Amino acid sequence: MSTLKKKKLRDGDTIDYKAVRQRFQLLNISRLQRLRDALRSRQQPFIDILPLLFHINHPLLPGYISKETPAGVYDFQPTKAIVGSTKKLFKGFEHKRRALLRPYIQSIFVMGSSGTIAYSDKSDFDFWLCYTPDLSETQIAELQQKAEAIEKWAETLGLEVHFFLMDAEKFRSGEKSELSKESSGSAQHNLLLDEFYRTGLHIAGRIPIWWLVPPEHEHDYDNYTQMLLRQRFVKEHDVIDFGGLSRIPAEEFIGAALWQLFKGIDSPYKSVLKILVMEAYANEHPNIDLLSLRYKRAVFENVTSLDDLDPYVMMYEKVAEYLEMEGDRRELARRCFYFKVDLPLTHHRHAKTWRHELLREITQDWGWGEGHVVLLDSRPDRGVAILRKHVLGIKPKQAANT
């Protein structure tokens, strides 16, 4: 039974928290389905049974360390389909329903390109595994062992998976973690949170209380969340709090840009787009129209189109607005987007997937003719040449000598 209510505001307005939550959850479910559809048939069960792997300790399942490993995902009830998939994969497994005294896993999320137009079979998965703050160092170490064992099982399915163990209270207070170091450098706490809120998918457990804070109240996030809990518009154990995004220190942009230059060695197109987003953010500082807040604003305004709210589409649109008067750089952003999506349209003329259809629609809106697309698709190194010229300032003859 839902614990969300409507809140009376000034001038007779109301916020229907139940409706807002349902919109977020519907978008979440739809993106998860897109992710599942993008996986090979033998990979799909990974997403399906993942919460169960952290919900119980069973010697026949991947990740088993001991019976004492912290387990139990808040508010998770394995369905018959999940149990059936698990039995099919692991012969001899039987699930016995028993009441948990307390769950140690508050939430599971995955962030990044999952379920977006930019997801491909080369994409990896960054999961946030959020545990209760009272775990001992020994328990955390054992949970880490379990996560690493599940990562190794994922490798056998052809998936690159990373679990980042998270104490939401410590994260909210700004304490550094392996997550911040690995995902966006050592100091980009707020920019990491912005990316999480706009790309993160809820897998199981508590939902972010951030979902329920209207965008116009982001500046008063702490007081607003306290009001939600104090007046029982939502129960504390139903939500998880990573903090708000009322301000981002200017120094984060420099660190984030340098980090993306480093990451660009492996993912040049994504890094260029992210650097351009940082530039757009820095240009708007201190009153930044963050992508995460754009996303939340759209949900509060009842926008439900998955294509319009695709995190990578929204990222490009932010950059395109910023570069409206700079045609060459905007064209660079378009090409980086196209190469990042990695669906050569001339090689897939009759493909009917949602990704192909959306990319065709986007390139048509850009005014790209077939000849232009053929040119981009005909040179496997074309994208690298573009980046050398526009980002590094290296001309073709220079590139031959590097």
Foldseek 3Di string as FASTA:
>chain_A
DALAAWDADPPRDIFRLVLLVVLVVVLLVLLQVLLLVQADPLLNLCLLQVLVLQAAADPQDFLHDDRPQQGRFAPDDRDPVNQVVVCVVGPPDDDDDDDDPDHFWAFKKWFDQRSFLLDHLVDATEMETEGEPPDDPVNVVSNQSSQVRSQVVSVVSSHHYDYFYDHLVCLLVPNFGPCCCPPFHTHLSLVVVLRCLLGMRTSGHAAACVSRQQLVCLLVVVVVVVVCPVVSSDDPSRHGYNHGPNFGDLVSLVSRLVRLVVVCVPQVLVSLLVNLLSVLQNVCPGPGPGLSNVLSNCSSVVNNDSLVSRSLVSSLVSSCVVCVVPVVVNVLNVLSSVVSSPDLCVVCVPDDDPSSVSNVVVVVVVVDDPVNSCVSVVDPCVNVQSCCCPPVVAHPVNVVVD
